[in-house]
Amino acid sequence: IRLATLHILQELSRKLSVNYQSLLAEAVPYLAELMEDSNEKVENACHRVIVDMESTLGESLQQYFNA
């Protein structure tokens, strides 16, 4: 389920592009939790989704995780 949810977040960010920024505040806590998941596949997928989101949005998401 976590992998499917990551896939949905990734597709949503691609479709909404820069408009997805307004939803980041809700997605970041979930992504932060999955970055430390006990399942390595989930962890790796989360990192790939974040990189993809950064590419789509044209900015680093690091600031959202440090807040």
PDB file of N, CA and C in Angstrom:
ATOM      1  N   ILE A   1       0.834  -1.197   0.000  1.00  0.00           N
ATOM      2  CA  ILE A   1       0.000   0.000   0.000  1.00  0.00           C
ATOM      3  C   ILE A   1       0.871   1.251   0.000  1.00  0.00           C
ATOM      4  N   ARG A   2       1.973   1.227   0.761  1.00  0.00           N
ATOM      5  CA  ARG A   2       2.843   2.413   0.817  1.00  0.00           C
ATOM      6  C   ARG A   2       3.467   2.692  -0.546  1.00  0.00           C
ATOM      7  N   LEU A   3       3.875   1.645  -1.243  1.00  0.00           N
ATOM      8  CA  LEU A   3       4.458   1.836  -2.580  1.00  0.00           C
ATOM      9  C   LEU A   3       3.417   2.392  -3.554  1.00  0.00           C
ATOM     10  N   ALA A   4       2.203   1.903  -3.462  1.00  0.00           N
ATOM     11  CA  ALA A   4       1.136   2.407  -4.334  1.00  0.00           C
ATOM     12  C   ALA A   4       0.841   3.874  -4.031  1.00  0.00           C
ATOM     13  N   THR A   5       0.850   4.223  -2.759  1.00  0.00           N
ATOM     14  CA  THR A   5       0.599   5.610  -2.368  1.00  0.00           C
ATOM     15  C   THR A   5       1.698   6.523  -2.893  1.00  0.00           C
ATOM     16  N   LEU A   6       2.939   6.070  -2.834  1.00  0.00           N
ATOM     17  CA  LEU A   6       4.046   6.857  -3.379  1.00  0.00           C
ATOM     18  C   LEU A   6       3.871   7.061  -4.883  1.00  0.00           C
ATOM     19  N   HIS A   7       3.443   6.017  -5.550  1.00  0.00           N
ATOM     20  CA  HIS A   7       3.212   6.126  -6.996  1.00  0.00           C
ATOM     21  C   HIS A   7       2.121   7.161  -7.286  1.00  0.00           C
ATOM     22  N   ILE A   8       1.071   7.146  -6.495  1.00  0.00           N
ATOM     23  CA  ILE A   8      -0.017   8.114  -6.675  1.00  0.00           C
ATOM     24  C   ILE A   8       0.485   9.537  -6.434  1.00  0.00           C
ATOM     25  N   LEU A   9       1.270   9.733  -5.372  1.00  0.00           N
ATOM     26  CA  LEU A   9       1.829  11.061  -5.097  1.00  0.00           C
ATOM     27  C   LEU A   9       2.705  11.539  -6.249  1.00  0.00           C
ATOM     28  N   GLN A  10       3.496  10.627  -6.785  1.00  0.00           N
ATOM     29  CA  GLN A  10       4.378  10.969  -7.897  1.00  0.00           C
ATOM     30  C   GLN A  10       3.569  11.384  -9.125  1.00  0.00           C
ATOM     31  N   GLU A  11       2.557  10.615  -9.458  1.00  0.00           N
ATOM     32  CA  GLU A  11       1.728  10.940 -10.621  1.00  0.00           C
ATOM     33  C   GLU A  11       0.957  12.235 -10.410  1.00  0.00           C
ATOM     34  N   LEU A  12       0.481  12.442  -9.200  1.00  0.00           N
ATOM     35  CA  LEU A  12      -0.246  13.669  -8.888  1.00  0.00           C
ATOM     36  C   LEU A  12       0.656  14.890  -9.051  1.00  0.00           C
ATOM     37  N   SER A  13       1.884  14.774  -8.561  1.00  0.00           N
ATOM     38  CA  SER A  13       2.810  15.909  -8.687  1.00  0.00           C
ATOM     39  C   SER A  13       3.166  16.169 -10.148  1.00  0.00           C
ATOM     40  N   ARG A  14       3.263  15.124 -10.937  1.00  0.00           N
ATOM     41  CA  ARG A  14       3.552  15.302 -12.367  1.00  0.00           C
ATOM     42  C   ARG A  14       2.385  15.981 -13.082  1.00  0.00           C
ATOM     43  N   LYS A  15       1.185  15.553 -12.772  1.00  0.00           N
ATOM     44  CA  LYS A  15       0.007  16.110 -13.448  1.00  0.00           C
ATOM     45  C   LYS A  15      -0.254  17.558 -13.040  1.00  0.00           C
ATOM     46  N   LEU A  16      -0.073  17.859 -11.750  1.00  0.00           N
ATOM     47  CA  LEU A  16      -0.350  19.208 -11.263  1.00  0.00           C
ATOM     48  C   LEU A  16       0.827  20.154 -11.449  1.00  0.00           C
ATOM     49  N   SER A  17       2.017  19.583 -11.652  1.00  0.00           N
ATOM     50  CA  SER A  17       3.242  20.362 -11.840  1.00  0.00           C
ATOM     51  C   SER A  17       3.416  21.385 -10.721  1.00  0.00           C
ATOM     52  N   VAL A  18       3.659  22.638 -11.055  1.00  0.00           N
ATOM     53  CA  VAL A  18       3.929  23.650 -10.025  1.00  0.00           C
ATOM     54  C   VAL A  18       2.730  23.885  -9.113  1.00  0.00           C
ATOM     55  N   ASN A  19       1.539  23.549  -9.551  1.00  0.00           N
ATOM     56  CA  ASN A  19       0.351  23.690  -8.707  1.00  0.00           C
ATOM     57  C   ASN A  19       0.367  22.714  -7.532  1.00  0.00           C
ATOM     58  N   TYR A  20       1.244  21.704  -7.598  1.00  0.00           N
ATOM     59  CA  TYR A  20       1.344  20.719  -6.519  1.00  0.00           C
ATOM     60  C   TYR A  20       1.972  21.327  -5.268  1.00  0.00           C
ATOM     61  N   GLN A  21       2.686  22.426  -5.417  1.00  0.00           N
ATOM     62  CA  GLN A  21       3.360  23.055  -4.279  1.00  0.00           C
ATOM     63  C   GLN A  21       2.410  23.340  -3.129  1.00  0.00           C
ATOM     64  N   SER A  22       1.191  23.698  -3.435  1.00  0.00           N
ATOM     65  CA  SER A  22       0.231  24.016  -2.380  1.00  0.00           C
ATOM     66  C   SER A  22      -0.143  22.785  -1.556  1.00  0.00           C
ATOM     67  N   LEU A  23       0.129  21.594  -2.074  1.00  0.00           N
ATOM     68  CA  LEU A  23      -0.181  20.359  -1.355  1.00  0.00           C
ATOM     69  C   LEU A  23       1.023  19.780  -0.616  1.00  0.00           C
ATOM     70  N   LEU A  24       2.188  20.368  -0.807  1.00  0.00           N
ATOM     71  CA  LEU A  24       3.401  19.825  -0.196  1.00  0.00           C
ATOM     72  C   LEU A  24       3.332  19.765   1.325  1.00  0.00           C
ATOM     73  N   ALA A  25       2.740  20.762   1.942  1.00  0.00           N
ATOM     74  CA  ALA A  25       2.668  20.789   3.404  1.00  0.00           C
ATOM     75  C   ALA A  25       1.980  19.541   3.950  1.00  0.00           C
ATOM     76  N   GLU A  26       1.030  19.020   3.218  1.00  0.00           N
ATOM     77  CA  GLU A  26       0.332  17.808   3.645  1.00  0.00           C
ATOM     78  C   GLU A  26       1.122  16.547   3.303  1.00  0.00           C
ATOM     79  N   ALA A  27       1.880  16.570   2.235  1.00  0.00           N
ATOM     80  CA  ALA A  27       2.609  15.386   1.786  1.00  0.00           C
ATOM     81  C   ALA A  27       3.936  15.187   2.509  1.00  0.00           C
ATOM     82  N   VAL A  28       4.579  16.269   2.933  1.00  0.00           N
ATOM     83  CA  VAL A  28       5.925  16.180   3.511  1.00  0.00           C
ATOM     84  C   VAL A  28       5.991  15.290   4.757  1.00  0.00           C
ATOM     85  N   PRO A  29       5.089  15.396   5.730  1.00  0.00           N
ATOM     86  CA  PRO A  29       5.187  14.501   6.894  1.00  0.00           C
ATOM     87  C   PRO A  29       5.109  13.024   6.497  1.00  0.00           C
ATOM     88  N   TYR A  30       4.265  12.719   5.545  1.00  0.00           N
ATOM     89  CA  TYR A  30       4.137  11.352   5.058  1.00  0.00           C
ATOM     90  C   TYR A  30       5.435  10.904   4.379  1.00  0.00           C
ATOM     91  N   LEU A  31       5.991  11.756   3.530  1.00  0.00           N
ATOM     92  CA  LEU A  31       7.245  11.432   2.848  1.00  0.00           C
ATOM     93  C   LEU A  31       8.389  11.278   3.843  1.00  0.00           C
ATOM     94  N   ALA A  32       8.434  12.143   4.848  1.00  0.00           N
ATOM     95  CA  ALA A  32       9.490  12.065   5.862  1.00  0.00           C
ATOM     96  C   ALA A  32       9.431  10.733   6.601  1.00  0.00           C
ATOM     97  N   GLU A  33       8.234  10.283   6.892  1.00  0.00           N
ATOM     98  CA  GLU A  33       8.066   8.997   7.572  1.00  0.00           C
ATOM     99  C   GLU A  33       8.522   7.850   6.682  1.00  0.00           C
ATOM    100  N   LEU A  34       8.183   7.914   5.408  1.00  0.00           N
ATOM    101  CA  LEU A  34       8.551   6.837   4.488  1.00  0.00           C
ATOM    102  C   LEU A  34      10.037   6.826   4.158  1.00  0.00           C
ATOM    103  N   MET A  35      10.714   7.949   4.342  1.00  0.00           N
ATOM    104  CA  MET A  35      12.162   7.985   4.117  1.00  0.00           C
ATOM    105  C   MET A  35      12.894   7.124   5.144  1.00  0.00           C
ATOM    106  N   GLU A  36      12.223   6.810   6.248  1.00  0.00           N
ATOM    107  CA  GLU A  36      12.815   5.986   7.304  1.00  0.00           C
ATOM    108  C   GLU A  36      12.043   4.689   7.499  1.00  0.00           C
ATOM    109  N   ASP A  37      11.379   4.226   6.459  1.00  0.00           N
ATOM    110  CA  ASP A  37      10.569   3.012   6.535  1.00  0.00           C
ATOM    111  C   ASP A  37      11.450   1.791   6.769  1.00  0.00           C
ATOM    112  N   SER A  38      10.889   0.781   7.402  1.00  0.00           N
ATOM    113  CA  SER A  38      11.646  -0.445   7.662  1.00  0.00           C
ATOM    114  C   SER A  38      11.850  -1.266   6.387  1.00  0.00           C
ATOM    115  N   ASN A  39      11.034  -1.027   5.382  1.00  0.00           N
ATOM    116  CA  ASN A  39      11.157  -1.724   4.108  1.00  0.00           C
ATOM    117  C   ASN A  39      12.046  -0.900   3.175  1.00  0.00           C
ATOM    118  N   GLU A  40      13.163  -1.482   2.777  1.00  0.00           N
ATOM    119  CA  GLU A  40      14.128  -0.768   1.932  1.00  0.00           C
ATOM    120  C   GLU A  40      13.531  -0.357   0.584  1.00  0.00           C
ATOM    121  N   LYS A  41      12.634  -1.170   0.046  1.00  0.00           N
ATOM    122  CA  LYS A  41      11.993  -0.828  -1.228  1.00  0.00           C
ATOM    123  C   LYS A  41      11.166   0.448  -1.094  1.00  0.00           C
ATOM    124  N   VAL A  42      10.470   0.585   0.020  1.00  0.00           N
ATOM    125  CA  VAL A  42       9.657   1.779   0.265  1.00  0.00           C
ATOM    126  C   VAL A  42      10.564   2.991   0.418  1.00  0.00           C
ATOM    127  N   GLU A  43      11.638   2.826   1.175  1.00  0.00           N
ATOM    128  CA  GLU A  43      12.602   3.912   1.383  1.00  0.00           C
ATOM    129  C   GLU A  43      13.183   4.395   0.051  1.00  0.00           C
ATOM    130  N   ASN A  44      13.624   3.454  -0.769  1.00  0.00           N
ATOM    131  CA  ASN A  44      14.208   3.799  -2.071  1.00  0.00           C
ATOM    132  C   ASN A  44      13.183   4.456  -2.987  1.00  0.00           C
ATOM    133  N   ALA A  45      11.977   3.928  -2.990  1.00  0.00           N
ATOM    134  CA  ALA A  45      10.916   4.514  -3.814  1.00  0.00           C
ATOM    135  C   ALA A  45      10.615   5.934  -3.360  1.00  0.00           C
ATOM    136  N   CYS A  46      10.620   6.163  -2.070  1.00  0.00           N
ATOM    137  CA  CYS A  46      10.356   7.494  -1.528  1.00  0.00           C
ATOM    138  C   CYS A  46      11.418   8.483  -2.002  1.00  0.00           C
ATOM    139  N   HIS A  47      12.662   8.082  -1.952  1.00  0.00           N
ATOM    140  CA  HIS A  47      13.742   8.958  -2.417  1.00  0.00           C
ATOM    141  C   HIS A  47      13.591   9.267  -3.910  1.00  0.00           C
ATOM    142  N   ARG A  48      13.219   8.263  -4.694  1.00  0.00           N
ATOM    143  CA  ARG A  48      13.012   8.487  -6.133  1.00  0.00           C
ATOM    144  C   ARG A  48      11.851   9.451  -6.377  1.00  0.00           C
ATOM    145  N   VAL A  49      10.788   9.305  -5.610  1.00  0.00           N
ATOM    146  CA  VAL A  49       9.627  10.195  -5.755  1.00  0.00           C
ATOM    147  C   VAL A  49      10.016  11.626  -5.408  1.00  0.00           C
ATOM    148  N   ILE A  50      10.788  11.800  -4.352  1.00  0.00           N
ATOM    149  CA  ILE A  50      11.213  13.145  -3.948  1.00  0.00           C
ATOM    150  C   ILE A  50      12.075  13.775  -5.039  1.00  0.00           C
ATOM    151  N   VAL A  51      13.002  13.016  -5.597  1.00  0.00           N
ATOM    152  CA  VAL A  51      13.848  13.524  -6.687  1.00  0.00           C
ATOM    153  C   VAL A  51      12.981  13.902  -7.883  1.00  0.00           C
ATOM    154  N   ASP A  52      12.005  13.068  -8.195  1.00  0.00           N
ATOM    155  CA  ASP A  52      11.106  13.356  -9.310  1.00  0.00           C
ATOM    156  C   ASP A  52      10.283  14.616  -9.036  1.00  0.00           C
ATOM    157  N   MET A  53       9.796  14.765  -7.819  1.00  0.00           N
ATOM    158  CA  MET A  53       9.033  15.964  -7.449  1.00  0.00           C
ATOM    159  C   MET A  53       9.901  17.210  -7.567  1.00  0.00           C
ATOM    160  N   GLU A  54      11.146  17.106  -7.117  1.00  0.00           N
ATOM    161  CA  GLU A  54      12.060  18.245  -7.214  1.00  0.00           C
ATOM    162  C   GLU A  54      12.273  18.637  -8.670  1.00  0.00           C
ATOM    163  N   SER A  55      12.399  17.645  -9.522  1.00  0.00           N
ATOM    164  CA  SER A  55      12.573  17.912 -10.949  1.00  0.00           C
ATOM    165  C   SER A  55      11.323  18.570 -11.531  1.00  0.00           C
ATOM    166  N   THR A  56      10.176  18.064 -11.159  1.00  0.00           N
ATOM    167  CA  THR A  56       8.908  18.609 -11.652  1.00  0.00           C
ATOM    168  C   THR A  56       8.686  20.038 -11.176  1.00  0.00           C
ATOM    169  N   LEU A  57       8.978  20.279  -9.893  1.00  0.00           N
ATOM    170  CA  LEU A  57       8.739  21.599  -9.307  1.00  0.00           C
ATOM    171  C   LEU A  57       9.864  22.586  -9.598  1.00  0.00           C
ATOM    172  N   GLY A  58      11.031  22.056  -9.966  1.00  0.00           N
ATOM    173  CA  GLY A  58      12.159  22.925 -10.267  1.00  0.00           C
ATOM    174  C   GLY A  58      12.824  23.514  -9.040  1.00  0.00           C
ATOM    175  N   GLU A  59      12.661  22.855  -7.895  1.00  0.00           N
ATOM    176  CA  GLU A  59      13.309  23.327  -6.671  1.00  0.00           C
ATOM    177  C   GLU A  59      13.523  22.165  -5.711  1.00  0.00           C
ATOM    178  N   SER A  60      14.457  22.355  -4.806  1.00  0.00           N
ATOM    179  CA  SER A  60      14.739  21.350  -3.792  1.00  0.00           C
ATOM    180  C   SER A  60      13.616  21.327  -2.760  1.00  0.00           C
ATOM    181  N   LEU A  61      13.292  20.148  -2.289  1.00  0.00           N
ATOM    182  CA  LEU A  61      12.273  20.010  -1.242  1.00  0.00           C
ATOM    183  C   LEU A  61      12.892  19.964   0.146  1.00  0.00           C
ATOM    184  N   GLN A  62      14.207  20.031   0.220  1.00  0.00           N
ATOM    185  CA  GLN A  62      14.914  19.922   1.495  1.00  0.00           C
ATOM    186  C   GLN A  62      14.392  20.915   2.530  1.00  0.00           C
ATOM    187  N   GLN A  63      14.060  22.115   2.100  1.00  0.00           N
ATOM    188  CA  GLN A  63      13.573  23.140   3.031  1.00  0.00           C
ATOM    189  C   GLN A  63      12.306  22.693   3.752  1.00  0.00           C
ATOM    190  N   TYR A  64      11.488  21.879   3.099  1.00  0.00           N
ATOM    191  CA  TYR A  64      10.248  21.408   3.708  1.00  0.00           C
ATOM    192  C   TYR A  64      10.514  20.354   4.782  1.00  0.00           C
ATOM    193  N   PHE A  65      11.614  19.609   4.624  1.00  0.00           N
ATOM    194  CA  PHE A  65      11.942  18.569   5.592  1.00  0.00           C
ATOM    195  C   PHE A  65      12.699  19.127   6.791  1.00  0.00           C
ATOM    196  N   ASN A  66      13.321  20.277   6.636  1.00  0.00           N
ATOM    197  CA  ASN A  66      14.069  20.903   7.729  1.00  0.00           C
ATOM    198  C   ASN A  66      13.196  21.800   8.591  1.00  0.00           C
ATOM    199  N   ALA A  67      11.977  22.027   8.176  1.00  0.00           N
ATOM    200  CA  ALA A  67      11.089  22.952   8.907  1.00  0.00           C
ATOM    201  C   ALA A  67      10.594  22.357  10.203  1.00  0.00           C
TER     202      ALA A  67
END
